[in-house]
Each structure stands twice: as structure tokens, then as C-alpha cells.
Amino acid sequence: MSKKIIIYDDDMDLLEVCALILTAKNFEVVIRDKCTEIIDDIATHKPDVILMDNWIPDIGGVKATRLVKNSAEFSHIPVIFFTANNNVTELAAEAGADYSLQKPFDISELETIVTEAVNKKA
């Protein structure tokens, strides 16, 4: 059975590229350009990994990640925090994310970190 990933980013082009890359690696991908309903989304889709942008509309990536990590039901889901900010490591730590990925990233970096996160959860 394929592993499921939800990607939150306000850049539709980036969402579509990431979805193509990860779908080609046999992941099931759900994309969202805002995180208004993040807890409902996660409850519905039950992802194995979440990719979270820092600048996601509504509440932002740090708060959205904290919502997930403070939820008893979903705190076990690995979150990969990604942003073009040069302090991505600090932001990821502040959010409580499990991984960080600096934008722009190359395809192999994305594949590697997602695979690592999925395997860690398994």
C-alpha cells in the first residue's frame, strides 16, 4: 500500500511539481494551498508524512505544525518544515517539526527526506 503525504504550500506551481515528483515515487499525495482545516484534513486523509511551508496562508506553518504536534492523535506524524527563509532549522525547531528542508531544494533532497520520514514512522 502506498504511503500518503499532505503538502501545505501557498505556491500552486510548487505543490504540483512536488506532487508529480512524489507520485512518481509511488506516494499518494494530497495538496493544500492553505491550512485552515489542517486537523480535519489530517483526520480525513491520515497522512504518513506532512510537508509544511512556513508562509502558508491563514495561520502560518509554525502554528499549523504546533497544532499537529500538540494533538495527541496526530503528534506521531512526521512533519517536514520547508521554507526559503535562511533560518529554516530554527523555524522547524520552534514549530516542533521533525525535519527541515531549505527551499529551493533539488528533487533528490525532497525524495530522500520524505522517504526517511516515512520509514521512521513505519
PDB file of N, CA and C in Angstrom:
ATOM      1  N   MET A   1       0.847  -1.200   0.000  1.00  0.00           N
ATOM      2  CA  MET A   1       0.000   0.000   0.000  1.00  0.00           C
ATOM      3  C   MET A   1       0.880   1.247   0.000  1.00  0.00           C
ATOM      4  N   SER A   2       0.492   2.222  -0.791  1.00  0.00           N
ATOM      5  CA  SER A   2       1.342   3.418  -0.891  1.00  0.00           C
ATOM      6  C   SER A   2       1.173   4.322   0.328  1.00  0.00           C
ATOM      7  N   LYS A   3       2.234   5.024   0.639  1.00  0.00           N
ATOM      8  CA  LYS A   3       2.233   5.952   1.768  1.00  0.00           C
ATOM      9  C   LYS A   3       1.635   7.270   1.313  1.00  0.00           C
ATOM     10  N   LYS A   4       0.972   7.957   2.243  1.00  0.00           N
ATOM     11  CA  LYS A   4       0.270   9.192   1.903  1.00  0.00           C
ATOM     12  C   LYS A   4       0.977  10.407   2.499  1.00  0.00           C
ATOM     13  N   ILE A   5       1.058  11.453   1.684  1.00  0.00           N
ATOM     14  CA  ILE A   5       1.701  12.694   2.092  1.00  0.00           C
ATOM     15  C   ILE A   5       0.748  13.847   1.851  1.00  0.00           C
ATOM     16  N   ILE A   6       0.638  14.761   2.817  1.00  0.00           N
ATOM     17  CA  ILE A   6      -0.091  16.016   2.590  1.00  0.00           C
ATOM     18  C   ILE A   6       0.957  17.116   2.510  1.00  0.00           C
ATOM     19  N   ILE A   7       0.844  17.932   1.468  1.00  0.00           N
ATOM     20  CA  ILE A   7       1.759  19.062   1.294  1.00  0.00           C
ATOM     21  C   ILE A   7       0.960  20.355   1.438  1.00  0.00           C
ATOM     22  N   TYR A   8       1.415  21.214   2.342  1.00  0.00           N
ATOM     23  CA  TYR A   8       0.820  22.537   2.540  1.00  0.00           C
ATOM     24  C   TYR A   8       1.785  23.592   2.037  1.00  0.00           C
ATOM     25  N   ASP A   9       1.377  24.333   0.994  1.00  0.00           N
ATOM     26  CA  ASP A   9       2.199  25.425   0.464  1.00  0.00           C
ATOM     27  C   ASP A   9       1.287  26.368  -0.297  1.00  0.00           C
ATOM     28  N   ASP A  10       1.570  27.676  -0.244  1.00  0.00           N
ATOM     29  CA  ASP A  10       0.717  28.639  -0.950  1.00  0.00           C
ATOM     30  C   ASP A  10       1.087  28.776  -2.429  1.00  0.00           C
ATOM     31  N   ASP A  11       2.164  28.121  -2.852  1.00  0.00           N
ATOM     32  CA  ASP A  11       2.625  28.195  -4.237  1.00  0.00           C
ATOM     33  C   ASP A  11       2.098  26.980  -5.010  1.00  0.00           C
ATOM     34  N   MET A  12       1.068  27.214  -5.836  1.00  0.00           N
ATOM     35  CA  MET A  12       0.413  26.121  -6.551  1.00  0.00           C
ATOM     36  C   MET A  12       1.389  25.396  -7.484  1.00  0.00           C
ATOM     37  N   ASP A  13       2.297  26.136  -8.126  1.00  0.00           N
ATOM     38  CA  ASP A  13       3.270  25.508  -9.020  1.00  0.00           C
ATOM     39  C   ASP A  13       4.158  24.534  -8.246  1.00  0.00           C
ATOM     40  N   LEU A  14       4.647  24.982  -7.091  1.00  0.00           N
ATOM     41  CA  LEU A  14       5.488  24.122  -6.267  1.00  0.00           C
ATOM     42  C   LEU A  14       4.709  22.889  -5.801  1.00  0.00           C
ATOM     43  N   LEU A  15       3.458  23.087  -5.407  1.00  0.00           N
ATOM     44  CA  LEU A  15       2.622  21.962  -4.981  1.00  0.00           C
ATOM     45  C   LEU A  15       2.515  20.923  -6.092  1.00  0.00           C
ATOM     46  N   GLU A  16       2.257  21.401  -7.317  1.00  0.00           N
ATOM     47  CA  GLU A  16       2.074  20.470  -8.428  1.00  0.00           C
ATOM     48  C   GLU A  16       3.370  19.744  -8.770  1.00  0.00           C
ATOM     49  N   VAL A  17       4.494  20.453  -8.736  1.00  0.00           N
ATOM     50  CA  VAL A  17       5.789  19.820  -9.010  1.00  0.00           C
ATOM     51  C   VAL A  17       6.102  18.763  -7.946  1.00  0.00           C
ATOM     52  N   CYS A  18       5.945  19.122  -6.674  1.00  0.00           N
ATOM     53  CA  CYS A  18       6.197  18.162  -5.588  1.00  0.00           C
ATOM     54  C   CYS A  18       5.274  16.947  -5.715  1.00  0.00           C
ATOM     55  N   ALA A  19       4.010  17.187  -6.054  1.00  0.00           N
ATOM     56  CA  ALA A  19       3.049  16.089  -6.211  1.00  0.00           C
ATOM     57  C   ALA A  19       3.482  15.148  -7.338  1.00  0.00           C
ATOM     58  N   LEU A  20       3.929  15.730  -8.461  1.00  0.00           N
ATOM     59  CA  LEU A  20       4.403  14.907  -9.584  1.00  0.00           C
ATOM     60  C   LEU A  20       5.608  14.056  -9.182  1.00  0.00           C
ATOM     61  N   ILE A  21       6.574  14.691  -8.537  1.00  0.00           N
ATOM     62  CA  ILE A  21       7.798  14.008  -8.113  1.00  0.00           C
ATOM     63  C   ILE A  21       7.462  12.853  -7.175  1.00  0.00           C
ATOM     64  N   LEU A  22       6.640  13.135  -6.166  1.00  0.00           N
ATOM     65  CA  LEU A  22       6.354  12.124  -5.146  1.00  0.00           C
ATOM     66  C   LEU A  22       5.393  11.046  -5.644  1.00  0.00           C
ATOM     67  N   THR A  23       4.477  11.412  -6.523  1.00  0.00           N
ATOM     68  CA  THR A  23       3.582  10.418  -7.120  1.00  0.00           C
ATOM     69  C   THR A  23       4.391   9.435  -7.963  1.00  0.00           C
ATOM     70  N   ALA A  24       5.396   9.954  -8.665  1.00  0.00           N
ATOM     71  CA  ALA A  24       6.276   9.098  -9.476  1.00  0.00           C
ATOM     72  C   ALA A  24       7.047   8.114  -8.595  1.00  0.00           C
ATOM     73  N   LYS A  25       7.213   8.437  -7.313  1.00  0.00           N
ATOM     74  CA  LYS A  25       7.883   7.547  -6.360  1.00  0.00           C
ATOM     75  C   LYS A  25       6.873   6.681  -5.598  1.00  0.00           C
ATOM     76  N   ASN A  26       5.670   6.598  -6.146  1.00  0.00           N
ATOM     77  CA  ASN A  26       4.593   5.763  -5.594  1.00  0.00           C
ATOM     78  C   ASN A  26       4.027   6.235  -4.261  1.00  0.00           C
ATOM     79  N   PHE A  27       4.111   7.539  -4.004  1.00  0.00           N
ATOM     80  CA  PHE A  27       3.430   8.089  -2.841  1.00  0.00           C
ATOM     81  C   PHE A  27       2.061   8.594  -3.282  1.00  0.00           C
ATOM     82  N   GLU A  28       1.098   8.532  -2.387  1.00  0.00           N
ATOM     83  CA  GLU A  28      -0.194   9.159  -2.633  1.00  0.00           C
ATOM     84  C   GLU A  28      -0.073  10.575  -2.080  1.00  0.00           C
ATOM     85  N   VAL A  29      -0.430  11.592  -2.864  1.00  0.00           N
ATOM     86  CA  VAL A  29      -0.187  12.981  -2.467  1.00  0.00           C
ATOM     87  C   VAL A  29      -1.481  13.784  -2.442  1.00  0.00           C
ATOM     88  N   VAL A  30      -1.678  14.504  -1.341  1.00  0.00           N
ATOM     89  CA  VAL A  30      -2.785  15.451  -1.199  1.00  0.00           C
ATOM     90  C   VAL A  30      -2.145  16.824  -1.089  1.00  0.00           C
ATOM     91  N   ILE A  31      -2.642  17.808  -1.864  1.00  0.00           N
ATOM     92  CA  ILE A  31      -2.061  19.149  -1.800  1.00  0.00           C
ATOM     93  C   ILE A  31      -3.083  20.156  -1.305  1.00  0.00           C
ATOM     94  N   ARG A  32      -2.588  21.121  -0.524  1.00  0.00           N
ATOM     95  CA  ARG A  32      -3.428  22.189   0.034  1.00  0.00           C
ATOM     96  C   ARG A  32      -2.668  23.507  -0.059  1.00  0.00           C
ATOM     97  N   ASP A  33      -3.369  24.577  -0.474  1.00  0.00           N
ATOM     98  CA  ASP A  33      -2.708  25.887  -0.571  1.00  0.00           C
ATOM     99  C   ASP A  33      -3.025  26.782   0.618  1.00  0.00           C
ATOM    100  N   LYS A  34      -3.703  26.215   1.619  1.00  0.00           N
ATOM    101  CA  LYS A  34      -3.905  26.907   2.900  1.00  0.00           C
ATOM    102  C   LYS A  34      -4.121  25.833   3.959  1.00  0.00           C
ATOM    103  N   CYS A  35      -4.041  26.236   5.223  1.00  0.00           N
ATOM    104  CA  CYS A  35      -4.151  25.203   6.270  1.00  0.00           C
ATOM    105  C   CYS A  35      -5.272  25.514   7.260  1.00  0.00           C
ATOM    106  N   THR A  36      -6.347  26.117   6.743  1.00  0.00           N
ATOM    107  CA  THR A  36      -7.494  26.453   7.592  1.00  0.00           C
ATOM    108  C   THR A  36      -8.035  25.238   8.334  1.00  0.00           C
ATOM    109  N   GLU A  37      -8.145  24.124   7.636  1.00  0.00           N
ATOM    110  CA  GLU A  37      -8.776  22.927   8.199  1.00  0.00           C
ATOM    111  C   GLU A  37      -7.750  21.826   8.444  1.00  0.00           C
ATOM    112  N   ILE A  38      -6.575  22.181   8.923  1.00  0.00           N
ATOM    113  CA  ILE A  38      -5.480  21.197   8.984  1.00  0.00           C
ATOM    114  C   ILE A  38      -5.827  19.952   9.801  1.00  0.00           C
ATOM    115  N   ILE A  39      -6.437  20.118  10.945  1.00  0.00           N
ATOM    116  CA  ILE A  39      -6.754  18.947  11.770  1.00  0.00           C
ATOM    117  C   ILE A  39      -7.812  18.071  11.094  1.00  0.00           C
ATOM    118  N   ASP A  40      -8.822  18.700  10.482  1.00  0.00           N
ATOM    119  CA  ASP A  40      -9.820  17.928   9.734  1.00  0.00           C
ATOM    120  C   ASP A  40      -9.186  17.205   8.552  1.00  0.00           C
ATOM    121  N   ASP A  41      -8.292  17.910   7.844  1.00  0.00           N
ATOM    122  CA  ASP A  41      -7.568  17.315   6.714  1.00  0.00           C
ATOM    123  C   ASP A  41      -6.829  16.056   7.148  1.00  0.00           C
ATOM    124  N   ILE A  42      -6.112  16.171   8.243  1.00  0.00           N
ATOM    125  CA  ILE A  42      -5.296  15.060   8.726  1.00  0.00           C
ATOM    126  C   ILE A  42      -6.191  13.908   9.189  1.00  0.00           C
ATOM    127  N   ALA A  43      -7.278  14.239   9.846  1.00  0.00           N
ATOM    128  CA  ALA A  43      -8.219  13.201  10.293  1.00  0.00           C
ATOM    129  C   ALA A  43      -8.821  12.469   9.094  1.00  0.00           C
ATOM    130  N   THR A  44      -9.117  13.212   8.039  1.00  0.00           N
ATOM    131  CA  THR A  44      -9.719  12.624   6.837  1.00  0.00           C
ATOM    132  C   THR A  44      -8.721  11.780   6.052  1.00  0.00           C
ATOM    133  N   HIS A  45      -7.530  12.338   5.806  1.00  0.00           N
ATOM    134  CA  HIS A  45      -6.578  11.688   4.901  1.00  0.00           C
ATOM    135  C   HIS A  45      -5.584  10.764   5.586  1.00  0.00           C
ATOM    136  N   LYS A  46      -5.400  10.917   6.897  1.00  0.00           N
ATOM    137  CA  LYS A  46      -4.466  10.083   7.656  1.00  0.00           C
ATOM    138  C   LYS A  46      -3.109   9.948   6.954  1.00  0.00           C
ATOM    139  N   PRO A  47      -2.395  11.065   6.811  1.00  0.00           N
ATOM    140  CA  PRO A  47      -1.115  11.017   6.094  1.00  0.00           C
ATOM    141  C   PRO A  47      -0.027  10.322   6.913  1.00  0.00           C
ATOM    142  N   ASP A  48       0.970   9.808   6.189  1.00  0.00           N
ATOM    143  CA  ASP A  48       2.141   9.227   6.835  1.00  0.00           C
ATOM    144  C   ASP A  48       3.191  10.302   7.101  1.00  0.00           C
ATOM    145  N   VAL A  49       3.144  11.372   6.298  1.00  0.00           N
ATOM    146  CA  VAL A  49       4.087  12.484   6.424  1.00  0.00           C
ATOM    147  C   VAL A  49       3.373  13.771   6.024  1.00  0.00           C
ATOM    148  N   ILE A  50       3.759  14.879   6.663  1.00  0.00           N
ATOM    149  CA  ILE A  50       3.238  16.206   6.305  1.00  0.00           C
ATOM    150  C   ILE A  50       4.410  17.083   5.895  1.00  0.00           C
ATOM    151  N   LEU A  51       4.279  17.740   4.747  1.00  0.00           N
ATOM    152  CA  LEU A  51       5.248  18.744   4.301  1.00  0.00           C
ATOM    153  C   LEU A  51       4.599  20.099   4.548  1.00  0.00           C
ATOM    154  N   MET A  52       5.239  20.950   5.346  1.00  0.00           N
ATOM    155  CA  MET A  52       4.634  22.220   5.751  1.00  0.00           C
ATOM    156  C   MET A  52       5.502  23.416   5.363  1.00  0.00           C
ATOM    157  N   ASP A  53       4.909  24.321   4.599  1.00  0.00           N
ATOM    158  CA  ASP A  53       5.585  25.563   4.236  1.00  0.00           C
ATOM    159  C   ASP A  53       5.461  26.559   5.389  1.00  0.00           C
ATOM    160  N   ASN A  54       6.478  27.403   5.557  1.00  0.00           N
ATOM    161  CA  ASN A  54       6.417  28.427   6.600  1.00  0.00           C
ATOM    162  C   ASN A  54       5.357  29.481   6.317  1.00  0.00           C
ATOM    163  N   TRP A  55       5.226  29.894   5.048  1.00  0.00           N
ATOM    164  CA  TRP A  55       4.353  31.018   4.704  1.00  0.00           C
ATOM    165  C   TRP A  55       2.979  30.588   4.234  1.00  0.00           C
ATOM    166  N   ILE A  56       2.444  29.515   4.778  1.00  0.00           N
ATOM    167  CA  ILE A  56       1.124  29.047   4.374  1.00  0.00           C
ATOM    168  C   ILE A  56       0.051  30.001   4.912  1.00  0.00           C
ATOM    169  N   PRO A  57      -0.910  30.386   4.049  1.00  0.00           N
ATOM    170  CA  PRO A  57      -1.944  31.339   4.492  1.00  0.00           C
ATOM    171  C   PRO A  57      -2.766  30.842   5.682  1.00  0.00           C
ATOM    172  N   ASP A  58      -3.399  31.775   6.299  1.00  0.00           N
ATOM    173  CA  ASP A  58      -4.250  31.619   7.474  1.00  0.00           C
ATOM    174  C   ASP A  58      -3.413  31.710   8.742  1.00  0.00           C
ATOM    175  N   ILE A  59      -2.853  30.581   9.199  1.00  0.00           N
ATOM    176  CA  ILE A  59      -2.169  30.661  10.492  1.00  0.00           C
ATOM    177  C   ILE A  59      -0.652  30.551  10.398  1.00  0.00           C
ATOM    178  N   GLY A  60      -0.134  30.199   9.229  1.00  0.00           N
ATOM    179  CA  GLY A  60       1.318  30.069   9.081  1.00  0.00           C
ATOM    180  C   GLY A  60       1.801  28.689   9.481  1.00  0.00           C
ATOM    181  N   GLY A  61       2.969  28.328   8.961  1.00  0.00           N
ATOM    182  CA  GLY A  61       3.500  26.986   9.147  1.00  0.00           C
ATOM    183  C   GLY A  61       3.874  26.625  10.567  1.00  0.00           C
ATOM    184  N   VAL A  62       4.407  27.598  11.320  1.00  0.00           N
ATOM    185  CA  VAL A  62       4.820  27.306  12.698  1.00  0.00           C
ATOM    186  C   VAL A  62       3.599  26.939  13.542  1.00  0.00           C
ATOM    187  N   LYS A  63       2.557  27.777  13.477  1.00  0.00           N
ATOM    188  CA  LYS A  63       1.341  27.497  14.266  1.00  0.00           C
ATOM    189  C   LYS A  63       0.650  26.218  13.798  1.00  0.00           C
ATOM    190  N   ALA A  64       0.608  26.011  12.483  1.00  0.00           N
ATOM    191  CA  ALA A  64      -0.043  24.813  11.943  1.00  0.00           C
ATOM    192  C   ALA A  64       0.688  23.548  12.407  1.00  0.00           C
ATOM    193  N   THR A  65       2.012  23.591  12.372  1.00  0.00           N
ATOM    194  CA  THR A  65       2.801  22.435  12.829  1.00  0.00           C
ATOM    195  C   THR A  65       2.571  22.189  14.314  1.00  0.00           C
ATOM    196  N   ARG A  66       2.518  23.273  15.085  1.00  0.00           N
ATOM    197  CA  ARG A  66       2.255  23.116  16.536  1.00  0.00           C
ATOM    198  C   ARG A  66       0.897  22.480  16.789  1.00  0.00           C
ATOM    199  N   LEU A  67      -0.118  22.848  15.992  1.00  0.00           N
ATOM    200  CA  LEU A  67      -1.438  22.233  16.145  1.00  0.00           C
ATOM    201  C   LEU A  67      -1.341  20.715  15.984  1.00  0.00           C
ATOM    202  N   VAL A  68      -0.595  20.292  14.977  1.00  0.00           N
ATOM    203  CA  VAL A  68      -0.429  18.862  14.725  1.00  0.00           C
ATOM    204  C   VAL A  68       0.345  18.212  15.872  1.00  0.00           C
ATOM    205  N   LYS A  69       1.465  18.817  16.244  1.00  0.00           N
ATOM    206  CA  LYS A  69       2.331  18.230  17.257  1.00  0.00           C
ATOM    207  C   LYS A  69       1.725  18.275  18.667  1.00  0.00           C
ATOM    208  N   ASN A  70       0.789  19.181  18.898  1.00  0.00           N
ATOM    209  CA  ASN A  70       0.122  19.247  20.204  1.00  0.00           C
ATOM    210  C   ASN A  70      -1.133  18.385  20.259  1.00  0.00           C
ATOM    211  N   SER A  71      -1.450  17.728  19.157  1.00  0.00           N
ATOM    212  CA  SER A  71      -2.619  16.864  19.105  1.00  0.00           C
ATOM    213  C   SER A  71      -2.200  15.444  19.490  1.00  0.00           C
ATOM    214  N   ALA A  72      -2.826  14.906  20.526  1.00  0.00           N
ATOM    215  CA  ALA A  72      -2.480  13.547  20.979  1.00  0.00           C
ATOM    216  C   ALA A  72      -2.655  12.538  19.852  1.00  0.00           C
ATOM    217  N   GLU A  73      -3.651  12.770  19.008  1.00  0.00           N
ATOM    218  CA  GLU A  73      -3.983  11.830  17.944  1.00  0.00           C
ATOM    219  C   GLU A  73      -2.974  11.860  16.783  1.00  0.00           C
ATOM    220  N   PHE A  74      -2.387  13.034  16.522  1.00  0.00           N
ATOM    221  CA  PHE A  74      -1.574  13.196  15.312  1.00  0.00           C
ATOM    222  C   PHE A  74      -0.113  13.555  15.551  1.00  0.00           C
ATOM    223  N   SER A  75       0.307  13.689  16.802  1.00  0.00           N
ATOM    224  CA  SER A  75       1.667  14.149  17.095  1.00  0.00           C
ATOM    225  C   SER A  75       2.747  13.197  16.579  1.00  0.00           C
ATOM    226  N   HIS A  76       2.381  11.933  16.328  1.00  0.00           N
ATOM    227  CA  HIS A  76       3.348  10.935  15.838  1.00  0.00           C
ATOM    228  C   HIS A  76       3.673  11.112  14.348  1.00  0.00           C
ATOM    229  N   ILE A  77       2.891  11.901  13.619  1.00  0.00           N
ATOM    230  CA  ILE A  77       3.099  12.051  12.171  1.00  0.00           C
ATOM    231  C   ILE A  77       4.308  12.957  11.932  1.00  0.00           C
ATOM    232  N   PRO A  78       5.310  12.473  11.204  1.00  0.00           N
ATOM    233  CA  PRO A  78       6.478  13.313  10.937  1.00  0.00           C
ATOM    234  C   PRO A  78       6.105  14.543  10.108  1.00  0.00           C
ATOM    235  N   VAL A  79       6.627  15.697  10.508  1.00  0.00           N
ATOM    236  CA  VAL A  79       6.416  16.938   9.763  1.00  0.00           C
ATOM    237  C   VAL A  79       7.757  17.409   9.221  1.00  0.00           C
ATOM    238  N   ILE A  80       7.774  17.670   7.908  1.00  0.00           N
ATOM    239  CA  ILE A  80       8.953  18.243   7.250  1.00  0.00           C
ATOM    240  C   ILE A  80       8.623  19.713   7.006  1.00  0.00           C
ATOM    241  N   PHE A  81       9.352  20.584   7.672  1.00  0.00           N
ATOM    242  CA  PHE A  81       9.123  22.031   7.565  1.00  0.00           C
ATOM    243  C   PHE A  81      10.007  22.560   6.445  1.00  0.00           C
ATOM    244  N   PHE A  82       9.400  23.242   5.458  1.00  0.00           N
ATOM    245  CA  PHE A  82      10.239  23.752   4.383  1.00  0.00           C
ATOM    246  C   PHE A  82       9.912  25.197   4.053  1.00  0.00           C
ATOM    247  N   THR A  83      10.973  25.966   3.784  1.00  0.00           N
ATOM    248  CA  THR A  83      10.822  27.392   3.556  1.00  0.00           C
ATOM    249  C   THR A  83      12.045  27.940   2.837  1.00  0.00           C
ATOM    250  N   ALA A  84      11.872  29.110   2.233  1.00  0.00           N
ATOM    251  CA  ALA A  84      13.003  29.799   1.608  1.00  0.00           C
ATOM    252  C   ALA A  84      13.750  30.658   2.635  1.00  0.00           C
ATOM    253  N   ASN A  85      13.172  30.816   3.824  1.00  0.00           N
ATOM    254  CA  ASN A  85      13.867  31.573   4.884  1.00  0.00           C
ATOM    255  C   ASN A  85      15.206  30.911   5.159  1.00  0.00           C
ATOM    256  N   ASN A  86      16.227  31.730   5.434  1.00  0.00           N
ATOM    257  CA  ASN A  86      17.534  31.114   5.686  1.00  0.00           C
ATOM    258  C   ASN A  86      17.654  30.551   7.098  1.00  0.00           C
ATOM    259  N   ASN A  87      16.659  30.770   7.945  1.00  0.00           N
ATOM    260  CA  ASN A  87      16.687  30.209   9.299  1.00  0.00           C
ATOM    261  C   ASN A  87      15.713  29.029   9.418  1.00  0.00           C
ATOM    262  N   VAL A  88      15.643  28.205   8.373  1.00  0.00           N
ATOM    263  CA  VAL A  88      14.692  27.096   8.334  1.00  0.00           C
ATOM    264  C   VAL A  88      14.868  26.145   9.517  1.00  0.00           C
ATOM    265  N   THR A  89      16.113  25.908   9.932  1.00  0.00           N
ATOM    266  CA  THR A  89      16.356  24.982  11.050  1.00  0.00           C
ATOM    267  C   THR A  89      15.748  25.514  12.343  1.00  0.00           C
ATOM    268  N   GLU A  90      15.926  26.809  12.590  1.00  0.00           N
ATOM    269  CA  GLU A  90      15.364  27.422  13.804  1.00  0.00           C
ATOM    270  C   GLU A  90      13.836  27.432  13.753  1.00  0.00           C
ATOM    271  N   LEU A  91      13.279  27.761  12.592  1.00  0.00           N
ATOM    272  CA  LEU A  91      11.818  27.776  12.459  1.00  0.00           C
ATOM    273  C   LEU A  91      11.235  26.383  12.668  1.00  0.00           C
ATOM    274  N   ALA A  92      11.890  25.382  12.095  1.00  0.00           N
ATOM    275  CA  ALA A  92      11.417  23.999  12.250  1.00  0.00           C
ATOM    276  C   ALA A  92      11.442  23.591  13.718  1.00  0.00           C
ATOM    277  N   ALA A  93      12.513  23.977  14.421  1.00  0.00           N
ATOM    278  CA  ALA A  93      12.626  23.652  15.848  1.00  0.00           C
ATOM    279  C   ALA A  93      11.545  24.368  16.648  1.00  0.00           C
ATOM    280  N   GLU A  94      11.331  25.648  16.331  1.00  0.00           N
ATOM    281  CA  GLU A  94      10.300  26.430  17.015  1.00  0.00           C
ATOM    282  C   GLU A  94       8.914  25.810  16.813  1.00  0.00           C
ATOM    283  N   ALA A  95       8.683  25.278  15.612  1.00  0.00           N
ATOM    284  CA  ALA A  95       7.386  24.679  15.280  1.00  0.00           C
ATOM    285  C   ALA A  95       7.225  23.288  15.884  1.00  0.00           C
ATOM    286  N   GLY A  96       8.355  22.646  16.193  1.00  0.00           N
ATOM    287  CA  GLY A  96       8.297  21.273  16.683  1.00  0.00           C
ATOM    288  C   GLY A  96       8.318  20.256  15.552  1.00  0.00           C
ATOM    289  N   ALA A  97       8.758  20.690  14.356  1.00  0.00           N
ATOM    290  CA  ALA A  97       8.814  19.787  13.200  1.00  0.00           C
ATOM    291  C   ALA A  97       9.932  18.761  13.386  1.00  0.00           C
ATOM    292  N   ASP A  98       9.813  17.650  12.664  1.00  0.00           N
ATOM    293  CA  ASP A  98      10.792  16.573  12.772  1.00  0.00           C
ATOM    294  C   ASP A  98      11.976  16.760  11.828  1.00  0.00           C
ATOM    295  N   TYR A  99      11.727  17.455  10.709  1.00  0.00           N
ATOM    296  CA  TYR A  99      12.748  17.659   9.684  1.00  0.00           C
ATOM    297  C   TYR A  99      12.624  19.071   9.141  1.00  0.00           C
ATOM    298  N   SER A 100      13.702  19.547   8.504  1.00  0.00           N
ATOM    299  CA  SER A 100      13.620  20.830   7.810  1.00  0.00           C
ATOM    300  C   SER A 100      14.253  20.684   6.439  1.00  0.00           C
ATOM    301  N   LEU A 101      13.749  21.463   5.492  1.00  0.00           N
ATOM    302  CA  LEU A 101      14.229  21.410   4.116  1.00  0.00           C
ATOM    303  C   LEU A 101      14.278  22.832   3.581  1.00  0.00           C
ATOM    304  N   GLN A 102      15.448  23.247   3.159  1.00  0.00           N
ATOM    305  CA  GLN A 102      15.645  24.612   2.657  1.00  0.00           C
ATOM    306  C   GLN A 102      15.178  24.705   1.202  1.00  0.00           C
ATOM    307  N   LYS A 103      14.338  25.707   0.915  1.00  0.00           N
ATOM    308  CA  LYS A 103      13.984  25.991  -0.488  1.00  0.00           C
ATOM    309  C   LYS A 103      15.011  26.966  -1.040  1.00  0.00           C
ATOM    310  N   PRO A 104      15.356  26.914  -2.307  1.00  0.00           N
ATOM    311  CA  PRO A 104      14.960  25.853  -3.233  1.00  0.00           C
ATOM    312  C   PRO A 104      15.741  24.568  -2.930  1.00  0.00           C
ATOM    313  N   PHE A 105      15.094  23.443  -3.132  1.00  0.00           N
ATOM    314  CA  PHE A 105      15.738  22.150  -2.906  1.00  0.00           C
ATOM    315  C   PHE A 105      15.746  21.394  -4.219  1.00  0.00           C
ATOM    316  N   ASP A 106      16.628  20.412  -4.334  1.00  0.00           N
ATOM    317  CA  ASP A 106      16.560  19.622  -5.555  1.00  0.00           C
ATOM    318  C   ASP A 106      15.736  18.362  -5.319  1.00  0.00           C
ATOM    319  N   ILE A 107      15.352  17.745  -6.412  1.00  0.00           N
ATOM    320  CA  ILE A 107      14.431  16.612  -6.370  1.00  0.00           C
ATOM    321  C   ILE A 107      14.945  15.494  -5.468  1.00  0.00           C
ATOM    322  N   SER A 108      16.233  15.197  -5.561  1.00  0.00           N
ATOM    323  CA  SER A 108      16.758  14.095  -4.746  1.00  0.00           C
ATOM    324  C   SER A 108      16.677  14.418  -3.252  1.00  0.00           C
ATOM    325  N   GLU A 109      16.869  15.691  -2.877  1.00  0.00           N
ATOM    326  CA  GLU A 109      16.738  16.072  -1.460  1.00  0.00           C
ATOM    327  C   GLU A 109      15.313  15.819  -0.973  1.00  0.00           C
ATOM    328  N   LEU A 110      14.341  16.217  -1.798  1.00  0.00           N
ATOM    329  CA  LEU A 110      12.934  16.022  -1.437  1.00  0.00           C
ATOM    330  C   LEU A 110      12.634  14.531  -1.284  1.00  0.00           C
ATOM    331  N   GLU A 111      13.028  13.732  -2.267  1.00  0.00           N
ATOM    332  CA  GLU A 111      12.772  12.287  -2.218  1.00  0.00           C
ATOM    333  C   GLU A 111      13.430  11.649  -0.999  1.00  0.00           C
ATOM    334  N   THR A 112      14.658  12.046  -0.708  1.00  0.00           N
ATOM    335  CA  THR A 112      15.403  11.462   0.407  1.00  0.00           C
ATOM    336  C   THR A 112      14.734  11.759   1.750  1.00  0.00           C
ATOM    337  N   ILE A 113      14.374  13.033   1.964  1.00  0.00           N
ATOM    338  CA  ILE A 113      13.815  13.412   3.269  1.00  0.00           C
ATOM    339  C   ILE A 113      12.421  12.816   3.478  1.00  0.00           C
ATOM    340  N   VAL A 114      11.617  12.749   2.414  1.00  0.00           N
ATOM    341  CA  VAL A 114      10.282  12.155   2.531  1.00  0.00           C
ATOM    342  C   VAL A 114      10.393  10.661   2.809  1.00  0.00           C
ATOM    343  N   THR A 115      11.290   9.977   2.092  1.00  0.00           N
ATOM    344  CA  THR A 115      11.484   8.540   2.310  1.00  0.00           C
ATOM    345  C   THR A 115      11.968   8.267   3.729  1.00  0.00           C
ATOM    346  N   GLU A 116      12.905   9.090   4.205  1.00  0.00           N
ATOM    347  CA  GLU A 116      13.416   8.939   5.572  1.00  0.00           C
ATOM    348  C   GLU A 116      12.288   9.118   6.590  1.00  0.00           C
ATOM    349  N   ALA A 117      11.454  10.138   6.387  1.00  0.00           N
ATOM    350  CA  ALA A 117      10.340  10.400   7.310  1.00  0.00           C
ATOM    351  C   ALA A 117       9.322   9.260   7.308  1.00  0.00           C
ATOM    352  N   VAL A 118       9.008   8.758   6.127  1.00  0.00           N
ATOM    353  CA  VAL A 118       8.050   7.651   6.014  1.00  0.00           C
ATOM    354  C   VAL A 118       8.599   6.402   6.707  1.00  0.00           C
ATOM    355  N   ASN A 119       9.879   6.124   6.475  1.00  0.00           N
ATOM    356  CA  ASN A 119      10.492   4.938   7.094  1.00  0.00           C
ATOM    357  C   ASN A 119      10.590   5.058   8.595  1.00  0.00           C
ATOM    358  N   LYS A 120      10.809   6.273   9.084  1.00  0.00           N
ATOM    359  CA  LYS A 120      10.893   6.499  10.528  1.00  0.00           C
ATOM    360  C   LYS A 120       9.543   6.224  11.186  1.00  0.00           C
ATOM    361  N   LYS A 121       8.463   6.605  10.494  1.00  0.00           N
ATOM    362  CA  LYS A 121       7.130   6.404  11.054  1.00  0.00           C
ATOM    363  C   LYS A 121       6.761   4.915  11.063  1.00  0.00           C
ATOM    364  N   ALA A 122       7.224   4.187  10.050  1.00  0.00           N
ATOM    365  CA  ALA A 122       6.801   2.779   9.858  1.00  0.00           C
ATOM    366  C   ALA A 122       7.179   1.857  11.000  1.00  0.00           C
TER     367      ALA A 122
END
